[in-house]
């Protein structure tokens, strides 16, 4: 009976330190834009998983599988020698004008995130035009405690928010011309 009490006492002493030792928290970002173009016009620009030409950092998109779940695409950023981001389509609905995808490979120096998933959706606005929402969930680029500043939660949220804002601003400019 005595060893059991010692074990219980030792576990009780460890509990407070275990509560302080936690890993990263999943971050979420959602950015939206309203455009004068119809939902169908907006979907015609962003609805093809294999075409990211509307996103300014993307130099080239190549892929396989079209808009079928499991399809893949490689995004070359900047120029022909730029970094590459690999993505896989999870869900696609032309009827709901929405698709979801995962980043399967990216250098955290390019985008300081891990376990990234995202959804793009187009819906009609009540007063006409379209509402385009881009939302994502991810973990910071450094999975352990005490991340360096360039790989912490704030850096991850800022990078994804900046990407979404840049993309949606370019999309709004293209659609509202």
N, C-alpha and C. Protein backbone atom coordinates (compact mmCIF):
# COMPACT_ATOMS: atom_id res chain seq x y z
N UNK A 1 0.81 -1.20 0.00
CA UNK A 1 0.00 0.00 0.00
C UNK A 1 0.86 1.26 0.00
N UNK A 2 1.99 1.21 0.69
CA UNK A 2 2.86 2.38 0.78
C UNK A 2 3.41 2.80 -0.59
N UNK A 3 3.87 1.89 -1.47
CA UNK A 3 4.35 2.34 -2.79
C UNK A 3 3.26 3.04 -3.60
N UNK A 4 2.03 2.59 -3.43
CA UNK A 4 0.91 3.22 -4.15
C UNK A 4 0.75 4.68 -3.70
N UNK A 5 0.86 4.94 -2.42
CA UNK A 5 0.73 6.31 -1.90
C UNK A 5 1.87 7.19 -2.40
N UNK A 6 3.05 6.64 -2.46
CA UNK A 6 4.20 7.40 -2.94
C UNK A 6 3.99 7.76 -4.42
N UNK A 7 3.53 6.79 -5.19
CA UNK A 7 3.26 7.03 -6.62
C UNK A 7 2.20 8.12 -6.79
N UNK A 8 1.12 8.04 -6.02
CA UNK A 8 0.05 9.05 -6.09
C UNK A 8 0.57 10.43 -5.72
N UNK A 9 1.39 10.51 -4.69
CA UNK A 9 1.95 11.80 -4.28
C UNK A 9 2.86 12.37 -5.37
N UNK A 10 3.65 11.50 -5.99
CA UNK A 10 4.53 11.96 -7.06
C UNK A 10 3.72 12.48 -8.24
N UNK A 11 2.65 11.79 -8.61
CA UNK A 11 1.79 12.23 -9.71
C UNK A 11 1.14 13.57 -9.41
N UNK A 12 0.72 13.75 -8.17
CA UNK A 12 0.10 15.03 -7.80
C UNK A 12 1.09 16.18 -7.89
N UNK A 13 2.35 15.92 -7.59
CA UNK A 13 3.37 16.96 -7.71
C UNK A 13 3.66 17.32 -9.16
N UNK A 14 3.48 16.36 -10.07
CA UNK A 14 3.75 16.60 -11.49
C UNK A 14 2.62 17.32 -12.22
N UNK A 15 1.41 17.21 -11.72
CA UNK A 15 0.26 17.78 -12.42
C UNK A 15 0.39 19.27 -12.75
N UNK A 16 0.81 20.12 -11.82
CA UNK A 16 0.91 21.54 -12.18
C UNK A 16 1.88 21.79 -13.34
N UNK A 17 3.02 21.10 -13.36
CA UNK A 17 3.96 21.33 -14.45
C UNK A 17 3.44 20.78 -15.77
N UNK A 18 2.64 19.73 -15.74
CA UNK A 18 2.07 19.19 -16.96
C UNK A 18 1.06 20.18 -17.56
N UNK A 19 0.36 20.92 -16.72
CA UNK A 19 -0.62 21.88 -17.22
C UNK A 19 0.05 23.03 -17.95
N UNK A 20 1.27 23.37 -17.57
CA UNK A 20 1.99 24.47 -18.21
C UNK A 20 2.66 24.05 -19.51
N UNK A 21 2.87 22.76 -19.68
CA UNK A 21 3.56 22.26 -20.89
C UNK A 21 2.54 21.93 -21.95
N UNK A 22 2.29 22.87 -22.83
CA UNK A 22 1.34 22.63 -23.90
C UNK A 22 1.96 23.07 -25.22
N UNK A 23 1.47 22.53 -26.26
CA UNK A 23 2.00 22.86 -27.59
C UNK A 23 1.23 23.99 -28.21
N UNK A 24 1.39 24.16 -29.51
CA UNK A 24 0.74 25.26 -30.20
C UNK A 24 -0.78 25.08 -30.28
N UNK A 25 -1.45 26.19 -30.46
CA UNK A 25 -2.91 26.21 -30.59
C UNK A 25 -3.23 26.42 -32.07
N UNK A 26 -4.23 25.71 -32.57
CA UNK A 26 -4.64 25.87 -33.97
C UNK A 26 -5.16 27.29 -34.16
N UNK A 27 -4.63 27.96 -35.17
CA UNK A 27 -5.01 29.33 -35.48
C UNK A 27 -6.03 29.32 -36.62
N UNK A 28 -6.86 30.34 -36.67
CA UNK A 28 -7.86 30.46 -37.73
C UNK A 28 -7.86 31.88 -38.27
N UNK A 29 -8.00 31.98 -39.58
CA UNK A 29 -8.08 33.28 -40.25
C UNK A 29 -9.23 33.22 -41.24
N UNK A 30 -10.00 34.29 -41.30
CA UNK A 30 -11.06 34.41 -42.28
C UNK A 30 -11.04 35.83 -42.83
N UNK A 31 -10.94 35.95 -44.16
CA UNK A 31 -10.94 37.26 -44.82
C UNK A 31 -11.98 37.18 -45.94
N UNK A 32 -12.74 38.25 -46.11
CA UNK A 32 -13.79 38.25 -47.12
C UNK A 32 -13.79 39.58 -47.87
N UNK A 33 -14.37 39.52 -49.07
CA UNK A 33 -14.51 40.72 -49.88
C UNK A 33 -15.85 40.63 -50.61
N UNK A 34 -16.48 41.78 -50.77
CA UNK A 34 -17.70 41.87 -51.57
C UNK A 34 -17.34 42.51 -52.91
N UNK A 35 -17.86 41.94 -53.98
CA UNK A 35 -17.58 42.45 -55.32
C UNK A 35 -18.90 42.69 -56.05
N UNK A 36 -18.86 43.58 -57.05
CA UNK A 36 -20.06 43.87 -57.82
C UNK A 36 -20.40 42.75 -58.80
N UNK A 37 -19.39 41.96 -59.18
CA UNK A 37 -19.62 40.86 -60.11
C UNK A 37 -20.59 39.84 -59.51
N UNK A 38 -21.27 39.13 -60.38
CA UNK A 38 -22.20 38.11 -59.92
C UNK A 38 -21.44 36.94 -59.30
N UNK A 39 -22.11 36.14 -58.46
CA UNK A 39 -21.45 34.95 -57.93
C UNK A 39 -20.91 34.03 -59.03
N UNK A 40 -21.66 33.88 -60.12
CA UNK A 40 -21.21 33.02 -61.22
C UNK A 40 -19.93 33.58 -61.85
N UNK A 41 -19.85 34.90 -62.00
CA UNK A 41 -18.64 35.51 -62.56
C UNK A 41 -17.44 35.33 -61.63
N UNK A 42 -17.69 35.49 -60.33
CA UNK A 42 -16.61 35.30 -59.35
C UNK A 42 -16.15 33.84 -59.34
N UNK A 43 -17.10 32.92 -59.35
CA UNK A 43 -16.76 31.49 -59.34
C UNK A 43 -16.01 31.10 -60.60
N UNK A 44 -16.33 31.72 -61.73
CA UNK A 44 -15.64 31.43 -62.98
C UNK A 44 -14.15 31.76 -62.87
N UNK A 45 -13.79 32.73 -62.04
CA UNK A 45 -12.39 33.11 -61.87
C UNK A 45 -11.68 32.21 -60.86
N UNK A 46 -12.33 31.89 -59.73
CA UNK A 46 -11.63 31.14 -58.67
C UNK A 46 -12.03 29.68 -58.57
N UNK A 47 -13.05 29.25 -59.31
CA UNK A 47 -13.60 27.91 -59.13
C UNK A 47 -12.81 26.76 -59.69
N UNK A 48 -11.76 27.04 -60.45
CA UNK A 48 -10.94 25.96 -60.99
C UNK A 48 -9.74 25.76 -60.07
N UNK A 49 -9.70 24.63 -59.38
CA UNK A 49 -8.61 24.34 -58.44
C UNK A 49 -7.25 24.38 -59.13
N UNK A 50 -7.22 24.10 -60.40
CA UNK A 50 -5.95 24.05 -61.13
C UNK A 50 -5.47 25.42 -61.61
N UNK A 51 -6.21 26.49 -61.34
CA UNK A 51 -5.85 27.82 -61.82
C UNK A 51 -5.80 28.82 -60.67
N UNK A 52 -4.61 29.22 -60.30
CA UNK A 52 -4.45 30.24 -59.25
C UNK A 52 -3.86 31.52 -59.85
N UNK A 53 -4.11 31.76 -61.11
CA UNK A 53 -3.54 32.93 -61.79
C UNK A 53 -4.03 34.24 -61.18
N UNK A 54 -5.13 34.22 -60.45
CA UNK A 54 -5.66 35.43 -59.84
C UNK A 54 -4.90 35.84 -58.57
N UNK A 55 -4.05 34.95 -58.04
CA UNK A 55 -3.32 35.22 -56.80
C UNK A 55 -1.94 35.79 -57.14
N UNK A 56 -1.67 37.07 -56.83
CA UNK A 56 -0.44 37.72 -57.28
C UNK A 56 0.88 36.98 -56.99
N UNK A 57 1.09 36.36 -55.83
CA UNK A 57 2.40 35.71 -55.62
C UNK A 57 2.63 34.48 -56.51
N UNK A 58 1.57 33.95 -57.13
CA UNK A 58 1.70 32.72 -57.91
C UNK A 58 2.19 33.03 -59.32
N UNK A 59 3.35 32.46 -59.65
CA UNK A 59 3.92 32.61 -60.99
C UNK A 59 3.33 31.57 -61.93
N UNK A 60 3.17 30.32 -61.43
CA UNK A 60 2.69 29.23 -62.27
C UNK A 60 1.96 28.20 -61.42
N UNK A 61 0.94 27.59 -62.01
CA UNK A 61 0.22 26.50 -61.36
C UNK A 61 0.24 25.29 -62.29
N UNK A 62 0.63 24.15 -61.76
CA UNK A 62 0.52 22.90 -62.49
C UNK A 62 -0.17 21.90 -61.58
N UNK A 63 -0.88 20.96 -62.17
CA UNK A 63 -1.56 20.00 -61.32
C UNK A 63 -2.16 18.85 -62.10
N UNK A 64 -2.77 17.97 -61.32
CA UNK A 64 -3.43 16.79 -61.89
C UNK A 64 -4.72 16.54 -61.14
N UNK A 65 -5.72 16.05 -61.87
CA UNK A 65 -6.95 15.64 -61.23
C UNK A 65 -8.09 16.62 -61.32
N UNK A 66 -7.87 17.76 -61.98
CA UNK A 66 -8.96 18.72 -62.16
C UNK A 66 -9.54 19.21 -60.85
N UNK A 67 -10.87 19.10 -60.74
CA UNK A 67 -11.58 19.54 -59.54
C UNK A 67 -12.14 18.37 -58.74
N UNK A 68 -11.55 17.21 -58.91
CA UNK A 68 -11.98 16.03 -58.16
C UNK A 68 -11.23 15.96 -56.83
N UNK A 69 -11.92 15.62 -55.74
CA UNK A 69 -11.20 15.45 -54.48
C UNK A 69 -10.01 14.51 -54.66
N UNK A 70 -8.88 14.90 -54.10
CA UNK A 70 -7.64 14.17 -54.28
C UNK A 70 -6.75 14.79 -55.34
N UNK A 71 -7.31 15.73 -56.13
CA UNK A 71 -6.51 16.43 -57.14
C UNK A 71 -5.35 17.16 -56.45
N UNK A 72 -4.27 17.35 -57.18
CA UNK A 72 -3.10 18.04 -56.63
C UNK A 72 -2.74 19.22 -57.50
N UNK A 73 -2.07 20.18 -56.89
CA UNK A 73 -1.52 21.29 -57.65
C UNK A 73 -0.22 21.74 -57.00
N UNK A 74 0.66 22.25 -57.84
CA UNK A 74 1.92 22.84 -57.39
C UNK A 74 1.90 24.31 -57.78
N UNK A 75 2.10 25.16 -56.80
CA UNK A 75 2.15 26.60 -57.03
C UNK A 75 3.60 27.05 -56.97
N UNK A 76 4.08 27.60 -58.07
CA UNK A 76 5.43 28.18 -58.09
C UNK A 76 5.26 29.66 -57.79
N UNK A 77 5.97 30.13 -56.79
CA UNK A 77 5.81 31.51 -56.34
C UNK A 77 6.92 32.40 -56.87
N UNK A 78 6.58 33.64 -57.17
CA UNK A 78 7.56 34.63 -57.56
C UNK A 78 7.96 34.57 -59.01
N UNK A 79 8.82 33.62 -59.36
CA UNK A 79 9.28 33.45 -60.73
C UNK A 79 9.51 31.97 -60.98
N UNK A 80 10.05 31.65 -62.15
CA UNK A 80 10.19 30.24 -62.53
C UNK A 80 11.11 29.45 -61.60
N UNK A 81 11.99 30.14 -60.87
CA UNK A 81 12.89 29.47 -59.92
C UNK A 81 12.42 29.63 -58.48
N UNK A 82 11.21 30.14 -58.28
CA UNK A 82 10.71 30.42 -56.94
C UNK A 82 10.34 29.17 -56.17
N UNK A 83 10.05 29.34 -54.90
CA UNK A 83 9.64 28.21 -54.06
C UNK A 83 8.32 27.61 -54.55
N UNK A 84 8.12 26.34 -54.23
CA UNK A 84 6.93 25.62 -54.67
C UNK A 84 6.10 25.20 -53.45
N UNK A 85 4.80 25.36 -53.57
CA UNK A 85 3.85 24.93 -52.55
C UNK A 85 3.01 23.81 -53.16
N UNK A 86 2.92 22.69 -52.46
CA UNK A 86 2.11 21.55 -52.92
C UNK A 86 0.79 21.53 -52.16
N UNK A 87 -0.31 21.36 -52.90
CA UNK A 87 -1.64 21.36 -52.29
C UNK A 87 -2.48 20.21 -52.84
N UNK A 88 -3.44 19.77 -52.02
CA UNK A 88 -4.36 18.69 -52.40
C UNK A 88 -5.79 19.13 -52.13
N UNK A 89 -6.65 18.90 -53.10
CA UNK A 89 -8.07 19.24 -52.99
C UNK A 89 -8.78 18.22 -52.10
N UNK A 90 -9.49 18.70 -51.09
CA UNK A 90 -10.25 17.82 -50.19
C UNK A 90 -11.72 17.69 -50.61
N UNK A 91 -12.35 18.85 -50.81
CA UNK A 91 -13.78 18.87 -51.18
C UNK A 91 -13.98 19.91 -52.27
N UNK A 92 -14.95 19.62 -53.15
CA UNK A 92 -15.26 20.55 -54.23
C UNK A 92 -16.75 20.48 -54.52
N UNK A 93 -17.41 21.65 -54.56
CA UNK A 93 -18.81 21.70 -54.93
C UNK A 93 -19.06 22.91 -55.82
N UNK A 94 -19.27 22.64 -57.11
CA UNK A 94 -19.60 23.72 -58.03
C UNK A 94 -20.96 24.31 -57.68
N UNK A 95 -21.90 23.47 -57.23
CA UNK A 95 -23.23 23.95 -56.85
C UNK A 95 -23.18 24.93 -55.69
N UNK A 96 -22.34 24.63 -54.70
CA UNK A 96 -22.20 25.51 -53.54
C UNK A 96 -21.11 26.55 -53.73
N UNK A 97 -20.45 26.52 -54.89
CA UNK A 97 -19.36 27.43 -55.21
C UNK A 97 -18.33 27.49 -54.07
N UNK A 98 -17.80 26.31 -53.75
CA UNK A 98 -16.86 26.21 -52.64
C UNK A 98 -15.91 25.04 -52.85
N UNK A 99 -14.68 25.22 -52.42
CA UNK A 99 -13.75 24.09 -52.35
C UNK A 99 -12.81 24.26 -51.17
N UNK A 100 -12.33 23.11 -50.68
CA UNK A 100 -11.41 23.06 -49.55
C UNK A 100 -10.17 22.30 -49.97
N UNK A 101 -9.04 22.73 -49.46
CA UNK A 101 -7.78 22.09 -49.82
C UNK A 101 -6.81 22.12 -48.64
N UNK A 102 -5.76 21.32 -48.77
CA UNK A 102 -4.69 21.25 -47.78
C UNK A 102 -3.37 21.63 -48.43
N UNK A 103 -2.49 22.26 -47.68
CA UNK A 103 -1.11 22.38 -48.12
C UNK A 103 -0.42 21.12 -47.64
N UNK A 104 0.17 20.39 -48.57
CA UNK A 104 0.84 19.14 -48.20
C UNK A 104 2.35 19.32 -48.09
N UNK A 105 2.88 20.40 -48.68
CA UNK A 105 4.31 20.65 -48.57
C UNK A 105 4.59 22.13 -48.83
N UNK A 106 5.22 22.77 -47.84
CA UNK A 106 5.66 24.16 -47.99
C UNK A 106 6.81 24.38 -47.01
N UNK A 107 7.79 25.12 -47.44
CA UNK A 107 8.90 25.49 -46.57
C UNK A 107 8.38 26.57 -45.61
N UNK A 108 8.61 26.39 -44.31
CA UNK A 108 8.10 27.37 -43.34
C UNK A 108 8.74 28.74 -43.51
N UNK A 109 9.85 28.81 -44.25
CA UNK A 109 10.44 30.12 -44.56
C UNK A 109 9.58 30.87 -45.58
N UNK A 110 8.79 30.13 -46.36
CA UNK A 110 7.90 30.73 -47.36
C UNK A 110 6.56 31.09 -46.72
N UNK A 111 5.97 30.17 -46.01
CA UNK A 111 4.71 30.38 -45.28
C UNK A 111 4.88 29.69 -43.93
N UNK A 112 4.96 30.45 -42.84
CA UNK A 112 5.32 29.89 -41.54
C UNK A 112 4.18 29.13 -40.85
N UNK A 113 3.68 28.10 -41.52
CA UNK A 113 2.56 27.32 -41.00
C UNK A 113 2.82 25.82 -41.19
N UNK A 114 2.09 25.04 -40.42
CA UNK A 114 2.03 23.60 -40.60
C UNK A 114 0.56 23.18 -40.51
N UNK A 115 0.26 22.02 -41.03
CA UNK A 115 -1.11 21.46 -40.97
C UNK A 115 -2.16 22.48 -41.41
N UNK A 116 -1.94 23.06 -42.57
CA UNK A 116 -2.79 24.12 -43.10
C UNK A 116 -3.93 23.53 -43.93
N UNK A 117 -5.14 23.98 -43.65
CA UNK A 117 -6.30 23.65 -44.49
C UNK A 117 -7.05 24.95 -44.76
N UNK A 118 -7.72 25.00 -45.91
CA UNK A 118 -8.34 26.25 -46.32
C UNK A 118 -9.60 25.99 -47.15
N UNK A 119 -10.48 26.97 -47.15
CA UNK A 119 -11.71 26.90 -47.94
C UNK A 119 -11.96 28.24 -48.62
N UNK A 120 -12.31 28.18 -49.89
CA UNK A 120 -12.73 29.35 -50.66
C UNK A 120 -14.21 29.17 -51.00
N UNK A 121 -15.02 30.20 -50.74
CA UNK A 121 -16.46 30.11 -50.98
C UNK A 121 -16.99 31.40 -51.58
N UNK A 122 -17.88 31.27 -52.55
CA UNK A 122 -18.56 32.42 -53.15
C UNK A 122 -20.05 32.28 -52.84
N UNK A 123 -20.65 33.36 -52.33
CA UNK A 123 -22.09 33.37 -52.05
C UNK A 123 -22.67 34.68 -52.60
N UNK A 124 -23.97 34.68 -52.88
CA UNK A 124 -24.60 35.92 -53.36
C UNK A 124 -24.76 36.93 -52.22
N UNK A 125 -24.61 38.20 -52.54
CA UNK A 125 -24.91 39.27 -51.59
C UNK A 125 -26.39 39.61 -51.70
N UNK A 126 -26.99 40.05 -50.62
CA UNK A 126 -28.40 40.42 -50.63
C UNK A 126 -28.69 41.54 -51.63
N UNK A 127 -27.80 42.52 -51.71
CA UNK A 127 -28.03 43.66 -52.60
C UNK A 127 -27.45 43.48 -53.99
N UNK A 128 -27.07 42.26 -54.34
CA UNK A 128 -26.44 42.00 -55.63
C UNK A 128 -24.94 41.83 -55.47
N UNK A 129 -24.32 41.29 -56.47
CA UNK A 129 -22.89 41.03 -56.40
C UNK A 129 -22.60 39.75 -55.64
N UNK A 130 -21.33 39.57 -55.31
CA UNK A 130 -20.90 38.34 -54.67
C UNK A 130 -20.08 38.64 -53.42
N UNK A 131 -20.15 37.70 -52.50
CA UNK A 131 -19.34 37.72 -51.28
C UNK A 131 -18.36 36.55 -51.41
N UNK A 132 -17.06 36.84 -51.32
CA UNK A 132 -16.04 35.81 -51.45
C UNK A 132 -15.32 35.71 -50.12
N UNK A 133 -15.31 34.50 -49.56
CA UNK A 133 -14.65 34.28 -48.27
C UNK A 133 -13.54 33.25 -48.45
N UNK A 134 -12.39 33.57 -47.86
CA UNK A 134 -11.25 32.66 -47.84
C UNK A 134 -10.89 32.46 -46.38
N UNK A 135 -11.02 31.25 -45.92
CA UNK A 135 -10.70 30.98 -44.52
C UNK A 135 -9.76 29.80 -44.41
N UNK A 136 -8.97 29.83 -43.36
CA UNK A 136 -8.00 28.77 -43.17
C UNK A 136 -7.77 28.48 -41.70
N UNK A 137 -7.25 27.30 -41.45
CA UNK A 137 -6.87 26.88 -40.11
C UNK A 137 -5.51 26.21 -40.22
N UNK A 138 -4.66 26.43 -39.23
CA UNK A 138 -3.27 25.98 -39.33
C UNK A 138 -2.61 26.08 -37.96
N UNK A 139 -1.45 25.48 -37.86
CA UNK A 139 -0.58 25.65 -36.71
C UNK A 139 0.62 26.48 -37.14
N UNK A 140 1.24 27.11 -36.18
CA UNK A 140 2.44 27.90 -36.48
C UNK A 140 3.53 27.01 -37.07
N UNK A 141 4.52 27.64 -37.64
CA UNK A 141 5.59 26.91 -38.32
C UNK A 141 6.52 26.15 -37.40
N UNK A 142 6.58 26.49 -36.12
CA UNK A 142 7.44 25.82 -35.16
C UNK A 142 6.55 25.08 -34.18
N UNK A 143 6.57 23.75 -34.19
CA UNK A 143 5.59 22.98 -33.42
C UNK A 143 5.86 22.89 -31.91
N UNK A 144 7.05 23.24 -31.48
CA UNK A 144 7.39 23.11 -30.06
C UNK A 144 7.15 24.40 -29.30
N UNK A 145 7.36 24.37 -28.00
CA UNK A 145 7.24 25.57 -27.20
C UNK A 145 8.38 26.53 -27.52
N UNK A 146 8.18 27.80 -27.20
CA UNK A 146 9.17 28.86 -27.40
C UNK A 146 9.67 28.97 -28.84
N UNK A 147 8.75 29.21 -29.78
CA UNK A 147 9.17 29.32 -31.18
C UNK A 147 9.94 30.61 -31.43
N UNK A 148 10.81 30.61 -32.44
CA UNK A 148 11.43 31.88 -32.83
C UNK A 148 10.36 32.81 -33.39
N UNK A 149 10.62 34.10 -33.36
CA UNK A 149 9.62 35.11 -33.76
C UNK A 149 9.07 34.87 -35.16
N UNK A 150 9.91 34.44 -36.09
CA UNK A 150 9.45 34.26 -37.47
C UNK A 150 8.59 33.01 -37.67
N UNK A 151 8.48 32.17 -36.63
CA UNK A 151 7.68 30.94 -36.75
C UNK A 151 6.63 30.83 -35.64
N UNK A 152 6.33 31.93 -34.95
CA UNK A 152 5.35 31.87 -33.86
C UNK A 152 3.92 32.08 -34.37
N UNK A 153 2.97 32.04 -33.47
CA UNK A 153 1.55 32.19 -33.84
C UNK A 153 1.29 33.51 -34.57
N UNK A 154 1.87 34.59 -34.06
CA UNK A 154 1.63 35.90 -34.66
C UNK A 154 2.16 35.96 -36.08
N UNK A 155 3.33 35.38 -36.31
CA UNK A 155 3.90 35.38 -37.66
C UNK A 155 3.04 34.55 -38.61
N UNK A 156 2.54 33.42 -38.13
CA UNK A 156 1.69 32.56 -38.97
C UNK A 156 0.39 33.27 -39.33
N UNK A 157 -0.26 33.87 -38.35
CA UNK A 157 -1.52 34.58 -38.60
C UNK A 157 -1.29 35.76 -39.53
N UNK A 158 -0.21 36.51 -39.31
CA UNK A 158 0.08 37.67 -40.17
C UNK A 158 0.35 37.23 -41.61
N UNK A 159 1.08 36.15 -41.79
CA UNK A 159 1.40 35.68 -43.14
C UNK A 159 0.15 35.22 -43.88
N UNK A 160 -0.69 34.44 -43.23
CA UNK A 160 -1.91 33.94 -43.88
C UNK A 160 -2.88 35.09 -44.13
N UNK A 161 -3.05 35.97 -43.16
CA UNK A 161 -3.93 37.12 -43.33
C UNK A 161 -3.45 37.98 -44.51
N UNK A 162 -2.15 38.24 -44.59
CA UNK A 162 -1.60 39.02 -45.69
C UNK A 162 -1.83 38.36 -47.04
N UNK A 163 -1.65 37.05 -47.09
CA UNK A 163 -1.88 36.31 -48.34
C UNK A 163 -3.34 36.43 -48.76
N UNK A 164 -4.26 36.19 -47.83
CA UNK A 164 -5.68 36.27 -48.15
C UNK A 164 -6.08 37.68 -48.58
N UNK A 165 -5.60 38.69 -47.86
CA UNK A 165 -5.95 40.08 -48.21
C UNK A 165 -5.41 40.45 -49.59
N UNK A 166 -4.17 40.05 -49.88
CA UNK A 166 -3.57 40.32 -51.18
C UNK A 166 -4.37 39.64 -52.29
N UNK A 167 -4.69 38.37 -52.09
CA UNK A 167 -5.43 37.61 -53.09
C UNK A 167 -6.82 38.16 -53.32
N UNK A 168 -7.54 38.47 -52.26
CA UNK A 168 -8.91 38.96 -52.43
C UNK A 168 -8.94 40.37 -52.99
N UNK A 169 -7.95 41.18 -52.65
CA UNK A 169 -7.88 42.54 -53.23
C UNK A 169 -7.64 42.45 -54.74
N UNK A 170 -6.75 41.56 -55.15
CA UNK A 170 -6.48 41.37 -56.59
C UNK A 170 -7.71 40.81 -57.29
N UNK A 171 -8.39 39.91 -56.63
CA UNK A 171 -9.61 39.33 -57.20
C UNK A 171 -10.69 40.40 -57.35
N UNK A 172 -10.87 41.22 -56.34
CA UNK A 172 -11.87 42.30 -56.41
C UNK A 172 -11.54 43.27 -57.54
N UNK A 173 -10.26 43.59 -57.68
CA UNK A 173 -9.86 44.50 -58.76
C UNK A 173 -10.16 43.88 -60.12
N UNK A 174 -9.87 42.61 -60.26
CA UNK A 174 -10.11 41.91 -61.54
C UNK A 174 -11.61 41.81 -61.84
N UNK A 175 -12.41 41.53 -60.85
CA UNK A 175 -13.85 41.33 -61.05
C UNK A 175 -14.62 42.63 -61.20
N UNK A 176 -14.12 43.70 -60.60
CA UNK A 176 -14.87 44.96 -60.63
C UNK A 176 -14.38 45.92 -61.72
N UNK A 177 -13.61 45.44 -62.68
CA UNK A 177 -13.15 46.30 -63.77
C UNK A 177 -14.25 46.58 -64.75
